[in-house]
């Protein structure tokens, strides 16, 4: 998924039974929040676990 806010190459996405787990590193809290919004907008996703770390 391409998004102007989130650099997806720095975010790992894993799914299991309609639950998405996000991990990795981003530069801002907005990028972290946007990644979660994108994941939750995918049809069929029931939960998003956002383990992304904001750098610096």
PDB file of N, CA and C in Angstrom:
ATOM      1  N   UNK A   1       0.848  -1.165   0.000  1.00  0.00           N
ATOM      2  CA  UNK A   1       0.000   0.000   0.000  1.00  0.00           C
ATOM      3  C   UNK A   1       0.899   1.234   0.000  1.00  0.00           C
ATOM      4  N   UNK A   2       0.621   2.168  -0.863  1.00  0.00           N
ATOM      5  CA  UNK A   2       1.435   3.379  -0.957  1.00  0.00           C
ATOM      6  C   UNK A   2       0.712   4.528  -0.260  1.00  0.00           C
ATOM      7  N   UNK A   3       1.458   5.254   0.574  1.00  0.00           N
ATOM      8  CA  UNK A   3       0.882   6.382   1.298  1.00  0.00           C
ATOM      9  C   UNK A   3       1.932   7.470   1.404  1.00  0.00           C
ATOM     10  N   UNK A   4       1.569   8.725   1.158  1.00  0.00           N
ATOM     11  CA  UNK A   4       2.564   9.803   1.204  1.00  0.00           C
ATOM     12  C   UNK A   4       3.099  10.086   2.607  1.00  0.00           C
ATOM     13  N   UNK A   5       2.401   9.655   3.644  1.00  0.00           N
ATOM     14  CA  UNK A   5       2.844   9.930   5.013  1.00  0.00           C
ATOM     15  C   UNK A   5       3.751   8.830   5.540  1.00  0.00           C
ATOM     16  N   UNK A   6       3.402   7.589   5.273  1.00  0.00           N
ATOM     17  CA  UNK A   6       4.108   6.455   5.873  1.00  0.00           C
ATOM     18  C   UNK A   6       5.069   5.826   4.872  1.00  0.00           C
ATOM     19  N   UNK A   7       6.293   5.632   5.306  1.00  0.00           N
ATOM     20  CA  UNK A   7       7.289   4.932   4.489  1.00  0.00           C
ATOM     21  C   UNK A   7       7.153   3.442   4.785  1.00  0.00           C
ATOM     22  N   UNK A   8       6.364   2.756   3.998  1.00  0.00           N
ATOM     23  CA  UNK A   8       6.028   1.367   4.287  1.00  0.00           C
ATOM     24  C   UNK A   8       7.238   0.441   4.265  1.00  0.00           C
ATOM     25  N   UNK A   9       8.306   0.837   3.644  1.00  0.00           N
ATOM     26  CA  UNK A   9       9.482  -0.029   3.649  1.00  0.00           C
ATOM     27  C   UNK A   9      10.079  -0.149   5.051  1.00  0.00           C
ATOM     28  N   UNK A  10       9.706   0.740   5.961  1.00  0.00           N
ATOM     29  CA  UNK A  10      10.207   0.701   7.319  1.00  0.00           C
ATOM     30  C   UNK A  10       9.211   0.094   8.293  1.00  0.00           C
ATOM     31  N   UNK A  11       8.069  -0.366   7.783  1.00  0.00           N
ATOM     32  CA  UNK A  11       7.028  -0.928   8.633  1.00  0.00           C
ATOM     33  C   UNK A  11       6.769  -2.370   8.192  1.00  0.00           C
ATOM     34  N   UNK A  12       6.829  -3.269   9.167  1.00  0.00           N
ATOM     35  CA  UNK A  12       6.539  -4.681   8.906  1.00  0.00           C
ATOM     36  C   UNK A  12       5.072  -4.935   9.241  1.00  0.00           C
ATOM     37  N   UNK A  13       4.401  -5.668   8.371  1.00  0.00           N
ATOM     38  CA  UNK A  13       2.990  -5.967   8.559  1.00  0.00           C
ATOM     39  C   UNK A  13       2.817  -7.481   8.567  1.00  0.00           C
ATOM     40  N   UNK A  14       2.244  -7.993   9.656  1.00  0.00           N
ATOM     41  CA  UNK A  14       1.950  -9.410   9.746  1.00  0.00           C
ATOM     42  C   UNK A  14       0.473  -9.571  10.080  1.00  0.00           C
ATOM     43  N   UNK A  15      -0.127 -10.620   9.535  1.00  0.00           N
ATOM     44  CA  UNK A  15      -1.547 -10.853   9.801  1.00  0.00           C
ATOM     45  C   UNK A  15      -1.762 -12.283  10.269  1.00  0.00           C
ATOM     46  N   UNK A  16      -2.737 -12.441  11.152  1.00  0.00           N
ATOM     47  CA  UNK A  16      -3.133 -13.763  11.615  1.00  0.00           C
ATOM     48  C   UNK A  16      -4.576 -13.674  12.083  1.00  0.00           C
ATOM     49  N   UNK A  17      -5.434 -14.451  11.471  1.00  0.00           N
ATOM     50  CA  UNK A  17      -6.855 -14.490  11.821  1.00  0.00           C
ATOM     51  C   UNK A  17      -7.474 -13.100  11.885  1.00  0.00           C
ATOM     52  N   UNK A  18      -7.263 -12.333  10.833  1.00  0.00           N
ATOM     53  CA  UNK A  18      -7.859 -10.998  10.668  1.00  0.00           C
ATOM     54  C   UNK A  18      -7.303  -9.937  11.614  1.00  0.00           C
ATOM     55  N   UNK A  19      -6.227 -10.278  12.335  1.00  0.00           N
ATOM     56  CA  UNK A  19      -5.547  -9.322  13.206  1.00  0.00           C
ATOM     57  C   UNK A  19      -4.242  -8.917  12.535  1.00  0.00           C
ATOM     58  N   UNK A  20      -3.999  -7.619  12.453  1.00  0.00           N
ATOM     59  CA  UNK A  20      -2.789  -7.087  11.829  1.00  0.00           C
ATOM     60  C   UNK A  20      -1.859  -6.582  12.920  1.00  0.00           C
ATOM     61  N   UNK A  21      -0.587  -6.992  12.834  1.00  0.00           N
ATOM     62  CA  UNK A  21       0.420  -6.493  13.761  1.00  0.00           C
ATOM     63  C   UNK A  21       1.426  -5.661  12.970  1.00  0.00           C
ATOM     64  N   UNK A  22       1.599  -4.410  13.398  1.00  0.00           N
ATOM     65  CA  UNK A  22       2.540  -3.495  12.765  1.00  0.00           C
ATOM     66  C   UNK A  22       3.763  -3.362  13.656  1.00  0.00           C
ATOM     67  N   UNK A  23       4.942  -3.385  13.051  1.00  0.00           N
ATOM     68  CA  UNK A  23       6.172  -3.153  13.804  1.00  0.00           C
ATOM     69  C   UNK A  23       7.157  -2.443  12.891  1.00  0.00           C
ATOM     70  N   UNK A  24       8.194  -1.899  13.499  1.00  0.00           N
ATOM     71  CA  UNK A  24       9.196  -1.173  12.738  1.00  0.00           C
ATOM     72  C   UNK A  24       9.402   0.210  13.326  1.00  0.00           C
ATOM     73  N   UNK A  25       9.961   1.085  12.527  1.00  0.00           N
ATOM     74  CA  UNK A  25      10.333   2.422  12.985  1.00  0.00           C
ATOM     75  C   UNK A  25       9.843   3.478  12.010  1.00  0.00           C
ATOM     76  N   UNK A  26       9.351   4.582  12.564  1.00  0.00           N
ATOM     77  CA  UNK A  26       8.942   5.738  11.763  1.00  0.00           C
ATOM     78  C   UNK A  26       9.490   6.994  12.426  1.00  0.00           C
ATOM     79  N   UNK A  27       9.418   8.106  11.716  1.00  0.00           N
ATOM     80  CA  UNK A  27       9.985   9.360  12.216  1.00  0.00           C
ATOM     81  C   UNK A  27       9.042  10.160  13.100  1.00  0.00           C
ATOM     82  N   UNK A  28       7.725   9.998  12.909  1.00  0.00           N
ATOM     83  CA  UNK A  28       6.782  10.839  13.649  1.00  0.00           C
ATOM     84  C   UNK A  28       5.597  10.029  14.169  1.00  0.00           C
ATOM     85  N   UNK A  29       4.929  10.587  15.170  1.00  0.00           N
ATOM     86  CA  UNK A  29       3.718   9.969  15.704  1.00  0.00           C
ATOM     87  C   UNK A  29       2.622   9.934  14.641  1.00  0.00           C
ATOM     88  N   UNK A  30       2.598  10.930  13.770  1.00  0.00           N
ATOM     89  CA  UNK A  30       1.604  10.957  12.689  1.00  0.00           C
ATOM     90  C   UNK A  30       1.791   9.768  11.752  1.00  0.00           C
ATOM     91  N   UNK A  31       3.037   9.429  11.432  1.00  0.00           N
ATOM     92  CA  UNK A  31       3.293   8.255  10.585  1.00  0.00           C
ATOM     93  C   UNK A  31       2.793   6.983  11.265  1.00  0.00           C
ATOM     94  N   UNK A  32       3.028   6.864  12.568  1.00  0.00           N
ATOM     95  CA  UNK A  32       2.571   5.697  13.325  1.00  0.00           C
ATOM     96  C   UNK A  32       1.046   5.611  13.286  1.00  0.00           C
ATOM     97  N   UNK A  33       0.385   6.721  13.536  1.00  0.00           N
ATOM     98  CA  UNK A  33      -1.074   6.743  13.534  1.00  0.00           C
ATOM     99  C   UNK A  33      -1.632   6.448  12.143  1.00  0.00           C
ATOM    100  N   UNK A  34      -1.014   6.997  11.120  1.00  0.00           N
ATOM    101  CA  UNK A  34      -1.475   6.775   9.747  1.00  0.00           C
ATOM    102  C   UNK A  34      -1.325   5.306   9.356  1.00  0.00           C
ATOM    103  N   UNK A  35      -0.252   4.672   9.772  1.00  0.00           N
ATOM    104  CA  UNK A  35      -0.066   3.248   9.475  1.00  0.00           C
ATOM    105  C   UNK A  35      -1.197   2.431  10.086  1.00  0.00           C
ATOM    106  N   UNK A  36      -1.579   2.766  11.308  1.00  0.00           N
ATOM    107  CA  UNK A  36      -2.681   2.062  11.961  1.00  0.00           C
ATOM    108  C   UNK A  36      -4.000   2.327  11.248  1.00  0.00           C
ATOM    109  N   UNK A  37      -4.212   3.558  10.842  1.00  0.00           N
ATOM    110  CA  UNK A  37      -5.450   3.889  10.109  1.00  0.00           C
ATOM    111  C   UNK A  37      -5.525   3.109   8.798  1.00  0.00           C
ATOM    112  N   UNK A  38      -4.416   3.043   8.085  1.00  0.00           N
ATOM    113  CA  UNK A  38      -4.396   2.313   6.818  1.00  0.00           C
ATOM    114  C   UNK A  38      -4.697   0.837   7.037  1.00  0.00           C
ATOM    115  N   UNK A  39      -4.049   0.249   8.043  1.00  0.00           N
ATOM    116  CA  UNK A  39      -4.252  -1.175   8.312  1.00  0.00           C
ATOM    117  C   UNK A  39      -5.704  -1.450   8.698  1.00  0.00           C
ATOM    118  N   UNK A  40      -6.274  -0.605   9.525  1.00  0.00           N
ATOM    119  CA  UNK A  40      -7.652  -0.843   9.973  1.00  0.00           C
ATOM    120  C   UNK A  40      -8.671  -0.606   8.866  1.00  0.00           C
ATOM    121  N   UNK A  41      -8.280   0.106   7.825  1.00  0.00           N
ATOM    122  CA  UNK A  41      -9.212   0.369   6.727  1.00  0.00           C
ATOM    123  C   UNK A  41      -9.316  -0.797   5.740  1.00  0.00           C
ATOM    124  N   UNK A  42      -8.443  -1.788   5.884  1.00  0.00           N
ATOM    125  CA  UNK A  42      -8.472  -2.937   4.979  1.00  0.00           C
ATOM    126  C   UNK A  42      -9.669  -3.820   5.324  1.00  0.00           C
ATOM    127  N   UNK A  43     -10.428  -4.168   4.318  1.00  0.00           N
ATOM    128  CA  UNK A  43     -11.621  -4.979   4.507  1.00  0.00           C
ATOM    129  C   UNK A  43     -11.272  -6.305   5.180  1.00  0.00           C
ATOM    130  N   UNK A  44     -11.998  -6.636   6.236  1.00  0.00           N
ATOM    131  CA  UNK A  44     -11.798  -7.906   6.925  1.00  0.00           C
ATOM    132  C   UNK A  44     -10.927  -7.818   8.162  1.00  0.00           C
ATOM    133  N   UNK A  45     -10.193  -6.734   8.329  1.00  0.00           N
ATOM    134  CA  UNK A  45      -9.339  -6.578   9.502  1.00  0.00           C
ATOM    135  C   UNK A  45     -10.221  -6.275  10.710  1.00  0.00           C
ATOM    136  N   UNK A  46     -10.020  -7.040  11.785  1.00  0.00           N
ATOM    137  CA  UNK A  46     -10.834  -6.852  12.986  1.00  0.00           C
ATOM    138  C   UNK A  46     -10.079  -6.155  14.106  1.00  0.00           C
ATOM    139  N   UNK A  47      -8.746  -6.193  14.049  1.00  0.00           N
ATOM    140  CA  UNK A  47      -7.944  -5.573  15.104  1.00  0.00           C
ATOM    141  C   UNK A  47      -6.579  -5.201  14.537  1.00  0.00           C
ATOM    142  N   UNK A  48      -6.006  -4.095  15.053  1.00  0.00           N
ATOM    143  CA  UNK A  48      -4.655  -3.681  14.675  1.00  0.00           C
ATOM    144  C   UNK A  48      -3.837  -3.523  15.949  1.00  0.00           C
ATOM    145  N   UNK A  49      -2.720  -4.224  16.010  1.00  0.00           N
ATOM    146  CA  UNK A  49      -1.770  -4.088  17.110  1.00  0.00           C
ATOM    147  C   UNK A  49      -0.623  -3.244  16.579  1.00  0.00           C
ATOM    148  N   UNK A  50      -0.504  -2.030  17.084  1.00  0.00           N
ATOM    149  CA  UNK A  50       0.483  -1.087  16.563  1.00  0.00           C
ATOM    150  C   UNK A  50       1.707  -1.045  17.474  1.00  0.00           C
ATOM    151  N   UNK A  51       2.732  -1.792  17.090  1.00  0.00           N
ATOM    152  CA  UNK A  51       3.983  -1.857  17.844  1.00  0.00           C
ATOM    153  C   UNK A  51       5.078  -1.036  17.175  1.00  0.00           C
ATOM    154  N   UNK A  52       4.716  -0.099  16.349  1.00  0.00           N
ATOM    155  CA  UNK A  52       5.681   0.762  15.664  1.00  0.00           C
ATOM    156  C   UNK A  52       6.334   1.686  16.691  1.00  0.00           C
ATOM    157  N   UNK A  53       7.627   1.909  16.534  1.00  0.00           N
ATOM    158  CA  UNK A  53       8.385   2.803  17.428  1.00  0.00           C
ATOM    159  C   UNK A  53       8.678   4.086  16.674  1.00  0.00           C
ATOM    160  N   UNK A  54       8.431   5.218  17.340  1.00  0.00           N
ATOM    161  CA  UNK A  54       8.749   6.522  16.767  1.00  0.00           C
ATOM    162  C   UNK A  54      10.209   6.827  17.116  1.00  0.00           C
ATOM    163  N   UNK A  55      11.034   7.053  16.086  1.00  0.00           N
ATOM    164  CA  UNK A  55      12.443   7.382  16.305  1.00  0.00           C
ATOM    165  C   UNK A  55      12.582   8.839  16.725  1.00  0.00           C
ATOM    166  N   UNK A  56      13.505   9.071  17.648  1.00  0.00           N
ATOM    167  CA  UNK A  56      13.923  10.411  18.048  1.00  0.00           C
ATOM    168  C   UNK A  56      12.872  11.326  18.404  1.00  0.00           C
TER     169      UNK A  56
END
